[in-house]
Every structure is written in C-alpha cells, then in structure tokens.
Amino acid sequence: MFKIYVGNLSFDATESEVEQLFGQHGEVQSVAIVTDRDTGRSRGFGFVEMTDDAQGQAAIDAIDGSELGGRSLKVNKARPRERDQRGGGGGGGGSQRDRW
C-alpha cells in the first residue's frame, strides 16, 4: 500500500472528488479527508492509499501543484506518524504541603 498526503484541500472538497483525481493515475484503495472532531468540518488535508507504489508516485508527480476547487494542492508520500516525545502526564493531586 502506498499512502499519500494531500494538503491544501478546499474545505468543500469531497472524498469522491479526490478519488476521481487520483484514480486517473491508478487504483485507489481508500481516501480519507481529515475532519475536526468537534465541528465535523474538513481540516484541509487528507490521505489517499493506492495499491501500487509506481502508480502512487506517478500520481504524486502529476497532481502536486495542480488545482482542485481553486486551491493548489500539496501532494507527497505520507510519512509515518511520529509518537509524541513529550511524555505522559500523571502525578498531581495532593496539596503543596504534601509535596515537602
């Protein structure tokens, strides 16, 4: 599976439109436009999974910088999600006096 990041999407872009655009370059396995969990509105980016690496790279080369919905798309191979290095929360509770 070849996962592609698609940025600068119009907030009105649909997964169907993105699938049609990428489908011109090969078989699209899935499309997911990321939405805000509180409002349900698009966050302006998403991911496309294509079944073939060569077709995925061809789609990136062809679509990066092209327009969809009046916006110039930023398209590249998706990077693996990085784990948060800040560490966990924890602790807390008790009064200041209990900490001495």
PDB file of N, CA and C in Angstrom:
ATOM      1  N   MET A   1       0.848  -1.178   0.000  1.00  0.00           N
ATOM      2  CA  MET A   1       0.000   0.000   0.000  1.00  0.00           C
ATOM      3  C   MET A   1       0.895   1.243   0.000  1.00  0.00           C
ATOM      4  N   PHE A   2       0.572   2.202  -0.824  1.00  0.00           N
ATOM      5  CA  PHE A   2       1.322   3.453  -0.969  1.00  0.00           C
ATOM      6  C   PHE A   2       0.438   4.573  -0.445  1.00  0.00           C
ATOM      7  N   LYS A   3       0.817   5.170   0.688  1.00  0.00           N
ATOM      8  CA  LYS A   3      -0.006   6.198   1.328  1.00  0.00           C
ATOM      9  C   LYS A   3       0.505   7.580   0.946  1.00  0.00           C
ATOM     10  N   ILE A   4      -0.431   8.449   0.540  1.00  0.00           N
ATOM     11  CA  ILE A   4      -0.110   9.772   0.023  1.00  0.00           C
ATOM     12  C   ILE A   4      -0.798  10.839   0.870  1.00  0.00           C
ATOM     13  N   TYR A   5      -0.039  11.870   1.227  1.00  0.00           N
ATOM     14  CA  TYR A   5      -0.583  13.034   1.929  1.00  0.00           C
ATOM     15  C   TYR A   5      -1.070  14.037   0.883  1.00  0.00           C
ATOM     16  N   VAL A   6      -2.255  14.594   1.088  1.00  0.00           N
ATOM     17  CA  VAL A   6      -2.811  15.608   0.190  1.00  0.00           C
ATOM     18  C   VAL A   6      -3.157  16.830   1.039  1.00  0.00           C
ATOM     19  N   GLY A   7      -2.414  17.916   0.847  1.00  0.00           N
ATOM     20  CA  GLY A   7      -2.629  19.120   1.632  1.00  0.00           C
ATOM     21  C   GLY A   7      -3.188  20.257   0.807  1.00  0.00           C
ATOM     22  N   ASN A   8      -3.649  21.280   1.506  1.00  0.00           N
ATOM     23  CA  ASN A   8      -4.229  22.486   0.932  1.00  0.00           C
ATOM     24  C   ASN A   8      -5.524  22.191   0.166  1.00  0.00           C
ATOM     25  N   LEU A   9      -6.256  21.203   0.662  1.00  0.00           N
ATOM     26  CA  LEU A   9      -7.557  20.892   0.062  1.00  0.00           C
ATOM     27  C   LEU A   9      -8.560  21.988   0.399  1.00  0.00           C
ATOM     28  N   SER A  10      -9.438  22.255  -0.523  1.00  0.00           N
ATOM     29  CA  SER A  10     -10.564  23.143  -0.258  1.00  0.00           C
ATOM     30  C   SER A  10     -11.396  22.513   0.855  1.00  0.00           C
ATOM     31  N   PHE A  11     -11.950  23.348   1.730  1.00  0.00           N
ATOM     32  CA  PHE A  11     -12.789  22.826   2.802  1.00  0.00           C
ATOM     33  C   PHE A  11     -14.063  22.189   2.264  1.00  0.00           C
ATOM     34  N   ASP A  12     -14.369  22.444   0.993  1.00  0.00           N
ATOM     35  CA  ASP A  12     -15.556  21.866   0.360  1.00  0.00           C
ATOM     36  C   ASP A  12     -15.238  20.609  -0.460  1.00  0.00           C
ATOM     37  N   ALA A  13     -13.966  20.230  -0.558  1.00  0.00           N
ATOM     38  CA  ALA A  13     -13.581  19.058  -1.352  1.00  0.00           C
ATOM     39  C   ALA A  13     -14.186  17.794  -0.740  1.00  0.00           C
ATOM     40  N   THR A  14     -14.596  16.885  -1.609  1.00  0.00           N
ATOM     41  CA  THR A  14     -15.175  15.625  -1.145  1.00  0.00           C
ATOM     42  C   THR A  14     -14.199  14.478  -1.413  1.00  0.00           C
ATOM     43  N   GLU A  15     -14.391  13.404  -0.671  1.00  0.00           N
ATOM     44  CA  GLU A  15     -13.558  12.221  -0.888  1.00  0.00           C
ATOM     45  C   GLU A  15     -13.756  11.679  -2.294  1.00  0.00           C
ATOM     46  N   SER A  16     -14.957  11.802  -2.826  1.00  0.00           N
ATOM     47  CA  SER A  16     -15.247  11.341  -4.183  1.00  0.00           C
ATOM     48  C   SER A  16     -14.431  12.127  -5.215  1.00  0.00           C
ATOM     49  N   GLU A  17     -14.347  13.447  -5.054  1.00  0.00           N
ATOM     50  CA  GLU A  17     -13.552  14.275  -5.975  1.00  0.00           C
ATOM     51  C   GLU A  17     -12.074  13.889  -5.923  1.00  0.00           C
ATOM     52  N   VAL A  18     -11.573  13.678  -4.720  1.00  0.00           N
ATOM     53  CA  VAL A  18     -10.163  13.313  -4.563  1.00  0.00           C
ATOM     54  C   VAL A  18      -9.912  11.935  -5.171  1.00  0.00           C
ATOM     55  N   GLU A  19     -10.830  11.011  -4.956  1.00  0.00           N
ATOM     56  CA  GLU A  19     -10.690   9.674  -5.531  1.00  0.00           C
ATOM     57  C   GLU A  19     -10.669   9.729  -7.059  1.00  0.00           C
ATOM     58  N   GLN A  20     -11.543  10.538  -7.655  1.00  0.00           N
ATOM     59  CA  GLN A  20     -11.561  10.669  -9.110  1.00  0.00           C
ATOM     60  C   GLN A  20     -10.247  11.246  -9.626  1.00  0.00           C
ATOM     61  N   LEU A  21      -9.715  12.240  -8.933  1.00  0.00           N
ATOM     62  CA  LEU A  21      -8.460  12.873  -9.346  1.00  0.00           C
ATOM     63  C   LEU A  21      -7.309  11.875  -9.327  1.00  0.00           C
ATOM     64  N   PHE A  22      -7.180  11.130  -8.239  1.00  0.00           N
ATOM     65  CA  PHE A  22      -6.085  10.167  -8.119  1.00  0.00           C
ATOM     66  C   PHE A  22      -6.337   8.925  -8.961  1.00  0.00           C
ATOM     67  N   GLY A  23      -7.602   8.580  -9.175  1.00  0.00           N
ATOM     68  CA  GLY A  23      -7.946   7.409  -9.965  1.00  0.00           C
ATOM     69  C   GLY A  23      -7.502   7.506 -11.416  1.00  0.00           C
ATOM     70  N   GLN A  24      -7.213   8.706 -11.883  1.00  0.00           N
ATOM     71  CA  GLN A  24      -6.695   8.886 -13.242  1.00  0.00           C
ATOM     72  C   GLN A  24      -5.290   8.309 -13.381  1.00  0.00           C
ATOM     73  N   HIS A  25      -4.646   8.015 -12.243  1.00  0.00           N
ATOM     74  CA  HIS A  25      -3.251   7.572 -12.263  1.00  0.00           C
ATOM     75  C   HIS A  25      -3.065   6.157 -11.735  1.00  0.00           C
ATOM     76  N   GLY A  26      -4.154   5.493 -11.363  1.00  0.00           N
ATOM     77  CA  GLY A  26      -4.047   4.125 -10.880  1.00  0.00           C
ATOM     78  C   GLY A  26      -5.192   3.775  -9.953  1.00  0.00           C
ATOM     79  N   GLU A  27      -5.108   2.590  -9.361  1.00  0.00           N
ATOM     80  CA  GLU A  27      -6.169   2.095  -8.494  1.00  0.00           C
ATOM     81  C   GLU A  27      -6.079   2.714  -7.100  1.00  0.00           C
ATOM     82  N   VAL A  28      -7.141   3.371  -6.699  1.00  0.00           N
ATOM     83  CA  VAL A  28      -7.220   3.990  -5.375  1.00  0.00           C
ATOM     84  C   VAL A  28      -7.862   2.999  -4.420  1.00  0.00           C
ATOM     85  N   GLN A  29      -7.172   2.714  -3.338  1.00  0.00           N
ATOM     86  CA  GLN A  29      -7.695   1.798  -2.318  1.00  0.00           C
ATOM     87  C   GLN A  29      -8.628   2.524  -1.346  1.00  0.00           C
ATOM     88  N   SER A  30      -8.202   3.735  -0.899  1.00  0.00           N
ATOM     89  CA  SER A  30      -9.046   4.488   0.029  1.00  0.00           C
ATOM     90  C   SER A  30      -8.693   5.971  -0.008  1.00  0.00           C
ATOM     91  N   VAL A  31      -9.650   6.784   0.415  1.00  0.00           N
ATOM     92  CA  VAL A  31      -9.468   8.232   0.547  1.00  0.00           C
ATOM     93  C   VAL A  31     -10.053   8.632   1.891  1.00  0.00           C
ATOM     94  N   ALA A  32      -9.322   9.441   2.639  1.00  0.00           N
ATOM     95  CA  ALA A  32      -9.831   9.941   3.918  1.00  0.00           C
ATOM     96  C   ALA A  32      -9.477  11.413   4.048  1.00  0.00           C
ATOM     97  N   ILE A  33     -10.485  12.263   4.099  1.00  0.00           N
ATOM     98  CA  ILE A  33     -10.268  13.680   4.371  1.00  0.00           C
ATOM     99  C   ILE A  33     -10.413  13.854   5.879  1.00  0.00           C
ATOM    100  N   VAL A  34      -9.411  14.456   6.496  1.00  0.00           N
ATOM    101  CA  VAL A  34      -9.392  14.617   7.938  1.00  0.00           C
ATOM    102  C   VAL A  34     -10.339  15.747   8.333  1.00  0.00           C
ATOM    103  N   THR A  35     -11.173  15.467   9.334  1.00  0.00           N
ATOM    104  CA  THR A  35     -12.146  16.454   9.795  1.00  0.00           C
ATOM    105  C   THR A  35     -11.906  16.800  11.260  1.00  0.00           C
ATOM    106  N   ASP A  36     -12.354  17.980  11.633  1.00  0.00           N
ATOM    107  CA  ASP A  36     -12.277  18.430  13.018  1.00  0.00           C
ATOM    108  C   ASP A  36     -13.281  17.615  13.828  1.00  0.00           C
ATOM    109  N   ARG A  37     -12.851  17.060  14.931  1.00  0.00           N
ATOM    110  CA  ARG A  37     -13.755  16.183  15.688  1.00  0.00           C
ATOM    111  C   ARG A  37     -14.900  16.940  16.360  1.00  0.00           C
ATOM    112  N   ASP A  38     -14.705  18.231  16.620  1.00  0.00           N
ATOM    113  CA  ASP A  38     -15.772  18.996  17.267  1.00  0.00           C
ATOM    114  C   ASP A  38     -16.801  19.522  16.273  1.00  0.00           C
ATOM    115  N   THR A  39     -16.330  20.031  15.125  1.00  0.00           N
ATOM    116  CA  THR A  39     -17.245  20.654  14.164  1.00  0.00           C
ATOM    117  C   THR A  39     -17.611  19.741  13.005  1.00  0.00           C
ATOM    118  N   GLY A  40     -16.795  18.709  12.729  1.00  0.00           N
ATOM    119  CA  GLY A  40     -17.026  17.833  11.591  1.00  0.00           C
ATOM    120  C   GLY A  40     -16.588  18.443  10.275  1.00  0.00           C
ATOM    121  N   ARG A  41     -16.029  19.640  10.333  1.00  0.00           N
ATOM    122  CA  ARG A  41     -15.596  20.342   9.121  1.00  0.00           C
ATOM    123  C   ARG A  41     -14.200  19.863   8.702  1.00  0.00           C
ATOM    124  N   SER A  42     -13.952  19.852   7.403  1.00  0.00           N
ATOM    125  CA  SER A  42     -12.658  19.453   6.873  1.00  0.00           C
ATOM    126  C   SER A  42     -11.544  20.306   7.463  1.00  0.00           C
ATOM    127  N   ARG A  43     -10.397  19.681   7.717  1.00  0.00           N
ATOM    128  CA  ARG A  43      -9.226  20.418   8.200  1.00  0.00           C
ATOM    129  C   ARG A  43      -8.309  20.822   7.042  1.00  0.00           C
ATOM    130  N   GLY A  44      -8.702  20.508   5.803  1.00  0.00           N
ATOM    131  CA  GLY A  44      -7.956  20.958   4.636  1.00  0.00           C
ATOM    132  C   GLY A  44      -6.848  20.015   4.187  1.00  0.00           C
ATOM    133  N   PHE A  45      -6.845  18.795   4.719  1.00  0.00           N
ATOM    134  CA  PHE A  45      -5.873  17.812   4.244  1.00  0.00           C
ATOM    135  C   PHE A  45      -6.466  16.417   4.394  1.00  0.00           C
ATOM    136  N   GLY A  46      -5.809  15.467   3.737  1.00  0.00           N
ATOM    137  CA  GLY A  46      -6.283  14.098   3.811  1.00  0.00           C
ATOM    138  C   GLY A  46      -5.232  13.129   3.311  1.00  0.00           C
ATOM    139  N   PHE A  47      -5.638  11.884   3.175  1.00  0.00           N
ATOM    140  CA  PHE A  47      -4.726  10.826   2.752  1.00  0.00           C
ATOM    141  C   PHE A  47      -5.394   9.954   1.699  1.00  0.00           C
ATOM    142  N   VAL A  48      -4.583   9.516   0.754  1.00  0.00           N
ATOM    143  CA  VAL A  48      -5.029   8.605  -0.292  1.00  0.00           C
ATOM    144  C   VAL A  48      -4.127   7.384  -0.226  1.00  0.00           C
ATOM    145  N   GLU A  49      -4.713   6.203  -0.298  1.00  0.00           N
ATOM    146  CA  GLU A  49      -3.935   4.976  -0.378  1.00  0.00           C
ATOM    147  C   GLU A  49      -4.137   4.377  -1.764  1.00  0.00           C
ATOM    148  N   MET A  50      -3.005   4.100  -2.417  1.00  0.00           N
ATOM    149  CA  MET A  50      -3.051   3.468  -3.735  1.00  0.00           C
ATOM    150  C   MET A  50      -2.410   2.096  -3.623  1.00  0.00           C
ATOM    151  N   THR A  51      -2.866   1.174  -4.447  1.00  0.00           N
ATOM    152  CA  THR A  51      -2.417  -0.210  -4.321  1.00  0.00           C
ATOM    153  C   THR A  51      -1.021  -0.443  -4.876  1.00  0.00           C
ATOM    154  N   ASP A  52      -0.556   0.415  -5.768  1.00  0.00           N
ATOM    155  CA  ASP A  52       0.722   0.197  -6.438  1.00  0.00           C
ATOM    156  C   ASP A  52       1.660   1.383  -6.197  1.00  0.00           C
ATOM    157  N   ASP A  53       2.891   1.095  -5.773  1.00  0.00           N
ATOM    158  CA  ASP A  53       3.863   2.155  -5.480  1.00  0.00           C
ATOM    159  C   ASP A  53       4.171   3.026  -6.691  1.00  0.00           C
ATOM    160  N   ALA A  54       4.345   2.398  -7.858  1.00  0.00           N
ATOM    161  CA  ALA A  54       4.680   3.157  -9.066  1.00  0.00           C
ATOM    162  C   ALA A  54       3.531   4.086  -9.462  1.00  0.00           C
ATOM    163  N   GLN A  55       2.310   3.578  -9.355  1.00  0.00           N
ATOM    164  CA  GLN A  55       1.154   4.412  -9.670  1.00  0.00           C
ATOM    165  C   GLN A  55       1.008   5.540  -8.654  1.00  0.00           C
ATOM    166  N   GLY A  56       1.292   5.247  -7.392  1.00  0.00           N
ATOM    167  CA  GLY A  56       1.241   6.274  -6.353  1.00  0.00           C
ATOM    168  C   GLY A  56       2.240   7.386  -6.612  1.00  0.00           C
ATOM    169  N   GLN A  57       3.448   7.014  -6.979  1.00  0.00           N
ATOM    170  CA  GLN A  57       4.466   8.030  -7.267  1.00  0.00           C
ATOM    171  C   GLN A  57       4.099   8.819  -8.516  1.00  0.00           C
ATOM    172  N   ALA A  58       3.540   8.147  -9.512  1.00  0.00           N
ATOM    173  CA  ALA A  58       3.099   8.845 -10.725  1.00  0.00           C
ATOM    174  C   ALA A  58       1.998   9.849 -10.389  1.00  0.00           C
ATOM    175  N   ALA A  59       1.085   9.476  -9.487  1.00  0.00           N
ATOM    176  CA  ALA A  59       0.022  10.394  -9.070  1.00  0.00           C
ATOM    177  C   ALA A  59       0.605  11.608  -8.358  1.00  0.00           C
ATOM    178  N   ILE A  60       1.575  11.387  -7.475  1.00  0.00           N
ATOM    179  CA  ILE A  60       2.225  12.500  -6.776  1.00  0.00           C
ATOM    180  C   ILE A  60       2.848  13.452  -7.786  1.00  0.00           C
ATOM    181  N   ASP A  61       3.615  12.893  -8.718  1.00  0.00           N
ATOM    182  CA  ASP A  61       4.305  13.716  -9.719  1.00  0.00           C
ATOM    183  C   ASP A  61       3.323  14.526 -10.564  1.00  0.00           C
ATOM    184  N   ALA A  62       2.190  13.927 -10.893  1.00  0.00           N
ATOM    185  CA  ALA A  62       1.214  14.594 -11.760  1.00  0.00           C
ATOM    186  C   ALA A  62       0.337  15.603 -11.008  1.00  0.00           C
ATOM    187  N   ILE A  63      -0.003  15.301  -9.762  1.00  0.00           N
ATOM    188  CA  ILE A  63      -1.011  16.107  -9.063  1.00  0.00           C
ATOM    189  C   ILE A  63      -0.410  17.207  -8.192  1.00  0.00           C
ATOM    190  N   ASP A  64       0.798  17.030  -7.669  1.00  0.00           N
ATOM    191  CA  ASP A  64       1.403  18.047  -6.809  1.00  0.00           C
ATOM    192  C   ASP A  64       1.459  19.385  -7.541  1.00  0.00           C
ATOM    193  N   GLY A  65       0.868  20.407  -6.938  1.00  0.00           N
ATOM    194  CA  GLY A  65       0.841  21.742  -7.535  1.00  0.00           C
ATOM    195  C   GLY A  65      -0.357  22.002  -8.427  1.00  0.00           C
ATOM    196  N   SER A  66      -1.126  20.953  -8.749  1.00  0.00           N
ATOM    197  CA  SER A  66      -2.323  21.165  -9.578  1.00  0.00           C
ATOM    198  C   SER A  66      -3.443  21.735  -8.708  1.00  0.00           C
ATOM    199  N   GLU A  67      -4.496  22.206  -9.358  1.00  0.00           N
ATOM    200  CA  GLU A  67      -5.589  22.837  -8.625  1.00  0.00           C
ATOM    201  C   GLU A  67      -6.800  21.926  -8.510  1.00  0.00           C
ATOM    202  N   LEU A  68      -7.440  22.014  -7.358  1.00  0.00           N
ATOM    203  CA  LEU A  68      -8.715  21.354  -7.117  1.00  0.00           C
ATOM    204  C   LEU A  68      -9.525  22.320  -6.264  1.00  0.00           C
ATOM    205  N   GLY A  69     -10.687  22.696  -6.745  1.00  0.00           N
ATOM    206  CA  GLY A  69     -11.532  23.631  -6.008  1.00  0.00           C
ATOM    207  C   GLY A  69     -10.890  24.991  -5.824  1.00  0.00           C
ATOM    208  N   GLY A  70     -10.055  25.403  -6.786  1.00  0.00           N
ATOM    209  CA  GLY A  70      -9.420  26.712  -6.722  1.00  0.00           C
ATOM    210  C   GLY A  70      -8.212  26.798  -5.807  1.00  0.00           C
ATOM    211  N   ARG A  71      -7.728  25.655  -5.320  1.00  0.00           N
ATOM    212  CA  ARG A  71      -6.562  25.657  -4.434  1.00  0.00           C
ATOM    213  C   ARG A  71      -5.468  24.770  -5.013  1.00  0.00           C
ATOM    214  N   SER A  72      -4.239  25.217  -4.870  1.00  0.00           N
ATOM    215  CA  SER A  72      -3.079  24.474  -5.356  1.00  0.00           C
ATOM    216  C   SER A  72      -2.723  23.381  -4.344  1.00  0.00           C
ATOM    217  N   LEU A  73      -2.804  22.129  -4.784  1.00  0.00           N
ATOM    218  CA  LEU A  73      -2.596  21.004  -3.890  1.00  0.00           C
ATOM    219  C   LEU A  73      -1.123  20.767  -3.575  1.00  0.00           C
ATOM    220  N   LYS A  74      -0.853  20.350  -2.353  1.00  0.00           N
ATOM    221  CA  LYS A  74       0.477  19.916  -1.926  1.00  0.00           C
ATOM    222  C   LYS A  74       0.371  18.414  -1.718  1.00  0.00           C
ATOM    223  N   VAL A  75       1.076  17.659  -2.551  1.00  0.00           N
ATOM    224  CA  VAL A  75       0.946  16.204  -2.541  1.00  0.00           C
ATOM    225  C   VAL A  75       2.323  15.567  -2.402  1.00  0.00           C
ATOM    226  N   ASN A  76       2.465  14.669  -1.437  1.00  0.00           N
ATOM    227  CA  ASN A  76       3.720  13.922  -1.292  1.00  0.00           C
ATOM    228  C   ASN A  76       3.467  12.605  -0.565  1.00  0.00           C
ATOM    229  N   LYS A  77       4.490  11.766  -0.540  1.00  0.00           N
ATOM    230  CA  LYS A  77       4.356  10.482   0.142  1.00  0.00           C
ATOM    231  C   LYS A  77       4.171  10.755   1.632  1.00  0.00           C
ATOM    232  N   ALA A  78       3.196  10.095   2.226  1.00  0.00           N
ATOM    233  CA  ALA A  78       2.914  10.295   3.646  1.00  0.00           C
ATOM    234  C   ALA A  78       4.060   9.724   4.476  1.00  0.00           C
ATOM    235  N   ARG A  79       4.416  10.465   5.507  1.00  0.00           N
ATOM    236  CA  ARG A  79       5.435   9.985   6.446  1.00  0.00           C
ATOM    237  C   ARG A  79       4.744   9.204   7.554  1.00  0.00           C
ATOM    238  N   PRO A  80       5.455   8.239   8.129  1.00  0.00           N
ATOM    239  CA  PRO A  80       4.857   7.503   9.251  1.00  0.00           C
ATOM    240  C   PRO A  80       4.569   8.465  10.403  1.00  0.00           C
ATOM    241  N   ARG A  81       3.508   8.205  11.105  1.00  0.00           N
ATOM    242  CA  ARG A  81       3.129   9.038  12.241  1.00  0.00           C
ATOM    243  C   ARG A  81       4.181   8.906  13.335  1.00  0.00           C
ATOM    244  N   GLU A  82       4.630  10.049  13.850  1.00  0.00           N
ATOM    245  CA  GLU A  82       5.630  10.027  14.916  1.00  0.00           C
ATOM    246  C   GLU A  82       4.934   9.972  16.262  1.00  0.00           C
ATOM    247  N   ARG A  83       5.545   9.230  17.183  1.00  0.00           N
ATOM    248  CA  ARG A  83       4.997   9.166  18.537  1.00  0.00           C
ATOM    249  C   ARG A  83       5.345  10.452  19.258  1.00  0.00           C
ATOM    250  N   ASP A  84       4.478  10.869  20.117  1.00  0.00           N
ATOM    251  CA  ASP A  84       4.687  12.081  20.897  1.00  0.00           C
ATOM    252  C   ASP A  84       5.833  11.858  21.881  1.00  0.00           C
ATOM    253  N   GLN A  85       6.867  12.672  21.797  1.00  0.00           N
ATOM    254  CA  GLN A  85       8.053  12.515  22.633  1.00  0.00           C
ATOM    255  C   GLN A  85       7.991  13.321  23.925  1.00  0.00           C
ATOM    256  N   ARG A  86       6.887  14.018  24.170  1.00  0.00           N
ATOM    257  CA  ARG A  86       6.796  14.859  25.354  1.00  0.00           C
ATOM    258  C   ARG A  86       6.569  14.066  26.630  1.00  0.00           C
ATOM    259  N   GLY A  87       6.225  12.824  26.508  1.00  0.00           N
ATOM    260  CA  GLY A  87       5.977  12.027  27.710  1.00  0.00           C
ATOM    261  C   GLY A  87       4.540  12.148  28.154  1.00  0.00           C
ATOM    262  N   GLY A  88       4.195  11.334  29.104  1.00  0.00           N
ATOM    263  CA  GLY A  88       2.829  11.315  29.578  1.00  0.00           C
ATOM    264  C   GLY A  88       2.594  12.292  30.707  1.00  0.00           C
ATOM    265  N   GLY A  89       1.377  12.416  31.077  1.00  0.00           N
ATOM    266  CA  GLY A  89       1.007  13.274  32.208  1.00  0.00           C
ATOM    267  C   GLY A  89       1.259  12.516  33.485  1.00  0.00           C
ATOM    268  N   GLY A  90       0.293  12.487  34.305  1.00  0.00           N
ATOM    269  CA  GLY A  90       0.417  11.713  35.532  1.00  0.00           C
ATOM    270  C   GLY A  90       0.732  12.604  36.710  1.00  0.00           C
ATOM    271  N   GLY A  91       0.799  11.980  37.831  1.00  0.00           N
ATOM    272  CA  GLY A  91       1.094  12.736  39.055  1.00  0.00           C
ATOM    273  C   GLY A  91      -0.065  13.635  39.416  1.00  0.00           C
ATOM    274  N   GLY A  92       0.257  14.659  40.124  1.00  0.00           N
ATOM    275  CA  GLY A  92      -0.773  15.619  40.517  1.00  0.00           C
ATOM    276  C   GLY A  92      -1.501  15.164  41.759  1.00  0.00           C
ATOM    277  N   GLY A  93      -2.455  15.926  42.151  1.00  0.00           N
ATOM    278  CA  GLY A  93      -3.216  15.594  43.342  1.00  0.00           C
ATOM    279  C   GLY A  93      -2.458  15.995  44.596  1.00  0.00           C
ATOM    280  N   GLY A  94      -3.114  15.979  45.679  1.00  0.00           N
ATOM    281  CA  GLY A  94      -2.469  16.352  46.936  1.00  0.00           C
ATOM    282  C   GLY A  94      -2.250  17.847  47.031  1.00  0.00           C
ATOM    283  N   SER A  95      -1.922  18.304  48.196  1.00  0.00           N
ATOM    284  CA  SER A  95      -1.682  19.732  48.385  1.00  0.00           C
ATOM    285  C   SER A  95      -0.199  20.023  48.306  1.00  0.00           C
ATOM    286  N   GLN A  96       0.137  21.293  48.229  1.00  0.00           N
ATOM    287  CA  GLN A  96       1.535  21.698  48.189  1.00  0.00           C
ATOM    288  C   GLN A  96       2.263  21.189  49.433  1.00  0.00           C
ATOM    289  N   ARG A  97       1.602  21.195  50.558  1.00  0.00           N
ATOM    290  CA  ARG A  97       2.210  20.770  51.816  1.00  0.00           C
ATOM    291  C   ARG A  97       2.608  19.285  51.748  1.00  0.00           C
ATOM    292  N   ASP A  98       1.834  18.472  51.010  1.00  0.00           N
ATOM    293  CA  ASP A  98       2.136  17.056  50.905  1.00  0.00           C
ATOM    294  C   ASP A  98       3.399  16.773  50.091  1.00  0.00           C
ATOM    295  N   ARG A  99       3.841  17.744  49.319  1.00  0.00           N
ATOM    296  CA  ARG A  99       4.995  17.524  48.441  1.00  0.00           C
ATOM    297  C   ARG A  99       6.310  17.777  49.141  1.00  0.00           C
ATOM    298  N   TRP A 100       6.306  18.339  50.331  1.00  0.00           N
ATOM    299  CA  TRP A 100       7.573  18.641  51.032  1.00  0.00           C
ATOM    300  C   TRP A 100       7.936  17.546  51.901  1.00  0.00           C
TER     301      TRP A 100
END
